Amino acid sequence: MSSGRVKLMNMLMRPNRSKLKGYQKQPPPKRWNIVRGDTVQVIDRKHPEYGKQGTVQVVIREKMRVIVENVNVCPKRIKADPEKGVKGETIMQERSMHYSNVNLVDPVTGFPTKVTYSYLEDGTKVRISKRSGAMIPKPEVWKQKIRNFTPSEDSDTMKDEDVWSVTYEEPPSNKWEDMLKALEEEEKKLVDNNANE
């Protein structure tokens, strides 16, 4: 009877091997074949929008995900804010999907294709379609940076001079600080007088 209890306690005290091993993260790809502005097609047969094509809006490299325009669209609820006068509504928004679920579209055939790299005569590196052998140029949108800068509507400054003017004034010093400064000055005077004699 005690041996059963000992076995049970040993089983409970033994660490769980699956938790010790941890989650095996997939290593990031060595080369990113898909960039922002490329036309891609969903190749995952289990995905509800299998075969749909769209343009890549965002590439999230840290999470190995992409957001494709008009693909994987889901409703998103926006809360109402009566103070700002915003009504609550439901909008349709694209969600991200794993980059391995999409492939580049061949510009000649219009079908998804794998990519290889080659060099032109002038030494520039280009993507080559494995399906047709056609060159897939990188889009111009890829070179532009995304900036989420929105200018403030309620700006309190109208001129550039107002922005660069000094508005901070140092507060008056403490009486203890004044006393310490006075003592330091007296010590300096005494040291200078002793040095002169």
Protein backbone atom coordinates (compact mmCIF):
# COMPACT_ATOMS: atom_id res chain seq x y z
CA MET A 1 0.00 0.00 0.00
CA SER A 2 2.81 2.35 0.79
CA SER A 3 4.63 1.41 -2.44
CA GLY A 4 1.66 2.66 -4.51
CA ARG A 5 1.70 5.93 -2.61
CA VAL A 6 5.46 6.28 -3.17
CA LYS A 7 5.05 5.65 -6.93
CA LEU A 8 2.28 8.23 -7.11
CA MET A 9 4.38 10.82 -5.25
CA ASN A 10 7.35 10.13 -7.54
CA MET A 11 5.15 10.61 -10.61
CA LEU A 12 3.80 13.89 -9.26
CA MET A 13 7.24 15.18 -8.28
CA ARG A 14 8.89 14.25 -11.61
CA PRO A 15 9.25 17.25 -13.92
CA ASN A 16 7.18 17.26 -17.09
CA ARG A 17 9.53 16.49 -19.99
CA SER A 18 7.43 18.35 -22.56
CA LYS A 19 7.61 21.54 -20.52
CA LEU A 20 11.35 21.20 -19.98
CA LYS A 21 12.03 20.81 -23.69
CA GLY A 22 10.21 24.02 -24.52
CA TYR A 23 8.66 25.23 -27.73
CA GLN A 24 10.90 24.68 -30.75
CA LYS A 25 10.74 27.92 -32.72
CA GLN A 26 11.05 27.73 -36.46
CA PRO A 27 14.27 29.43 -37.59
CA PRO A 28 13.78 32.58 -39.67
CA PRO A 29 14.46 32.22 -43.39
CA LYS A 30 17.94 33.04 -44.66
CA ARG A 31 16.49 35.01 -47.57
CA TRP A 32 13.26 36.97 -47.73
CA ASN A 33 11.82 36.33 -51.19
CA ILE A 34 8.61 38.23 -50.43
CA VAL A 35 8.76 42.00 -49.94
CA ARG A 36 6.14 44.72 -49.60
CA GLY A 37 4.36 45.40 -52.90
CA ASP A 38 4.75 41.88 -54.34
CA THR A 39 1.79 39.99 -55.78
CA VAL A 40 1.34 36.69 -53.94
CA GLN A 41 -1.10 33.77 -53.92
CA VAL A 42 -2.29 31.66 -50.97
CA ILE A 43 -0.90 28.13 -51.45
CA ASP A 44 -2.06 26.53 -48.18
CA ARG A 45 -4.84 24.11 -49.14
CA LYS A 46 -6.33 24.20 -45.63
CA HIS A 47 -6.70 27.99 -45.71
CA PRO A 48 -10.29 29.14 -46.43
CA GLU A 49 -9.04 31.57 -49.10
CA TYR A 50 -6.82 29.08 -50.94
CA GLY A 51 -5.89 30.29 -54.43
CA LYS A 52 -6.68 33.95 -53.82
CA GLN A 53 -4.15 36.54 -55.00
CA GLY A 54 -3.31 39.94 -53.54
CA THR A 55 -0.60 42.53 -52.95
CA VAL A 56 1.58 42.35 -49.84
CA GLN A 57 0.94 45.40 -47.63
CA VAL A 58 3.18 44.62 -44.64
CA VAL A 59 5.97 42.10 -43.98
CA ILE A 60 6.43 41.35 -40.25
CA ARG A 61 9.86 39.71 -40.20
CA GLU A 62 10.07 39.22 -36.41
CA LYS A 63 6.95 37.01 -36.48
CA MET A 64 7.53 35.65 -40.02
CA ARG A 65 4.10 36.87 -41.15
CA VAL A 66 2.68 38.94 -44.01
CA ILE A 67 -0.50 40.98 -44.46
CA VAL A 68 -2.00 40.62 -47.94
CA GLU A 69 -4.52 43.09 -49.37
CA ASN A 70 -8.12 41.74 -49.50
CA VAL A 71 -7.03 38.29 -48.24
CA ASN A 72 -7.79 36.82 -44.79
CA VAL A 73 -10.29 39.61 -44.07
CA CYS A 74 -12.07 39.48 -40.70
CA PRO A 75 -14.41 41.84 -38.85
CA LYS A 76 -12.93 44.14 -36.22
CA ARG A 77 -15.04 45.98 -33.68
CA ILE A 78 -14.25 49.64 -32.98
CA LYS A 79 -15.53 50.89 -29.64
CA ALA A 80 -17.64 53.99 -29.39
CA ASP A 81 -16.24 57.12 -27.74
CA PRO A 82 -19.01 59.58 -26.88
CA GLU A 83 -16.51 62.22 -25.71
CA LYS A 84 -14.94 62.42 -29.17
CA GLY A 85 -18.23 61.81 -30.94
CA VAL A 86 -17.13 58.49 -32.48
CA LYS A 87 -19.80 55.86 -33.04
CA GLY A 88 -19.07 52.18 -32.51
CA GLU A 89 -18.83 50.20 -35.73
CA THR A 90 -17.56 46.98 -37.22
CA ILE A 91 -14.99 47.22 -40.01
CA MET A 92 -13.41 44.53 -42.17
CA GLN A 93 -9.63 44.32 -41.73
CA GLU A 94 -6.90 42.09 -43.13
CA ARG A 95 -5.20 39.77 -40.67
CA SER A 96 -1.67 38.48 -40.95
CA MET A 97 -0.79 35.01 -42.21
CA HIS A 98 2.41 32.97 -42.08
CA TYR A 99 4.80 33.70 -44.94
CA SER A 100 5.05 29.98 -45.80
CA ASN A 101 1.35 29.97 -46.76
CA VAL A 102 1.93 32.33 -49.71
CA ASN A 103 4.12 32.23 -52.83
CA LEU A 104 5.10 34.85 -55.36
CA VAL A 105 3.02 34.97 -58.55
CA ASP A 106 4.86 34.36 -61.81
CA PRO A 107 4.45 37.49 -64.00
CA VAL A 108 4.26 35.38 -67.20
CA THR A 109 1.95 32.50 -66.24
CA GLY A 110 0.03 34.07 -63.35
CA PHE A 111 0.54 30.99 -61.15
CA PRO A 112 2.45 30.74 -57.85
CA THR A 113 6.12 29.95 -58.21
CA LYS A 114 9.27 29.36 -56.22
CA VAL A 115 12.13 31.81 -56.60
CA THR A 116 15.83 31.54 -57.31
CA TYR A 117 18.39 34.33 -57.52
CA SER A 118 20.70 35.27 -60.36
CA TYR A 119 22.97 38.14 -61.37
CA LEU A 120 22.65 40.37 -64.43
CA GLU A 121 25.61 41.54 -66.54
CA ASP A 122 25.89 44.78 -64.55
CA GLY A 123 26.11 42.79 -61.30
CA THR A 124 22.62 43.47 -59.86
CA LYS A 125 20.96 40.60 -58.03
CA VAL A 126 17.47 39.71 -59.34
CA ARG A 127 14.77 37.17 -58.53
CA ILE A 128 14.09 34.53 -61.19
CA SER A 129 10.87 32.50 -61.39
CA LYS A 130 11.47 28.73 -61.33
CA ARG A 131 8.23 28.11 -63.24
CA SER A 132 8.92 30.19 -66.35
CA GLY A 133 12.44 31.56 -65.87
CA ALA A 134 11.14 35.15 -66.02
CA MET A 135 12.71 37.91 -63.94
CA ILE A 136 10.58 39.17 -61.02
CA PRO A 137 11.61 42.77 -60.28
CA LYS A 138 11.25 44.18 -56.79
CA PRO A 139 8.46 46.78 -56.65
CA GLU A 140 9.18 50.49 -56.18
CA VAL A 141 6.92 50.54 -53.09
CA TRP A 142 9.43 48.29 -51.32
CA LYS A 143 12.04 51.08 -51.20
CA GLN A 144 9.69 53.59 -49.57
CA LYS A 145 9.50 53.65 -45.79
CA ILE A 146 6.20 53.35 -43.95
CA ARG A 147 5.61 56.31 -41.69
CA ASN A 148 2.72 56.42 -39.28
CA PHE A 149 3.10 60.16 -38.80
CA THR A 150 -0.20 62.00 -38.45
CA PRO A 151 -0.02 65.75 -37.97
CA SER A 152 -1.92 67.11 -35.00
CA GLU A 153 -5.14 68.92 -35.85
CA ASP A 154 -5.14 70.91 -32.61
CA SER A 155 -1.77 72.61 -32.96
CA ASP A 156 -1.12 75.43 -30.51
CA THR A 157 1.78 76.88 -32.50
CA MET A 158 1.39 78.55 -35.87
CA LYS A 159 4.96 79.78 -36.48
CA ASP A 160 8.32 78.04 -36.53
CA GLU A 161 9.79 80.67 -34.21
CA ASP A 162 7.31 79.65 -31.51
CA VAL A 163 8.45 76.06 -31.75
CA TRP A 164 12.15 76.87 -31.34
CA SER A 165 11.75 79.58 -28.69
CA VAL A 166 12.96 78.77 -25.16
CA THR A 167 9.97 78.35 -22.88
CA TYR A 168 11.58 76.65 -19.90
CA GLU A 169 12.78 78.84 -17.06
CA GLU A 170 14.90 77.37 -14.33
CA PRO A 171 13.12 77.56 -10.98
CA PRO A 172 14.71 79.69 -8.25
CA SER A 173 17.31 77.83 -6.24
CA ASN A 174 16.81 76.59 -2.73
CA LYS A 175 18.06 78.58 0.28
CA TRP A 176 20.27 75.65 1.32
CA GLU A 177 21.90 75.61 -2.10
CA ASP A 178 22.57 79.34 -1.80
CA MET A 179 24.20 78.80 1.59
CA LEU A 180 26.38 75.97 0.23
CA LYS A 181 27.52 78.13 -2.69
CA ALA A 182 28.37 80.98 -0.32
CA LEU A 183 30.42 78.65 1.90
CA GLU A 184 32.29 77.24 -1.12
CA GLU A 185 33.15 80.76 -2.29
CA GLU A 186 34.46 81.67 1.20
CA GLU A 187 36.60 78.51 1.26
CA LYS A 188 38.06 79.38 -2.15
CA LYS A 189 38.91 82.88 -0.93
CA LEU A 190 40.62 81.48 2.17
CA VAL A 191 42.62 78.96 0.10
CA ASP A 192 43.65 81.72 -2.34
CA ASN A 193 44.70 83.99 0.53
CA ASN A 194 46.76 81.21 2.15
CA ALA A 195 48.38 80.42 -1.20
CA ASN A 196 49.32 84.11 -1.74
CA GLU A 197 51.00 84.44 1.70
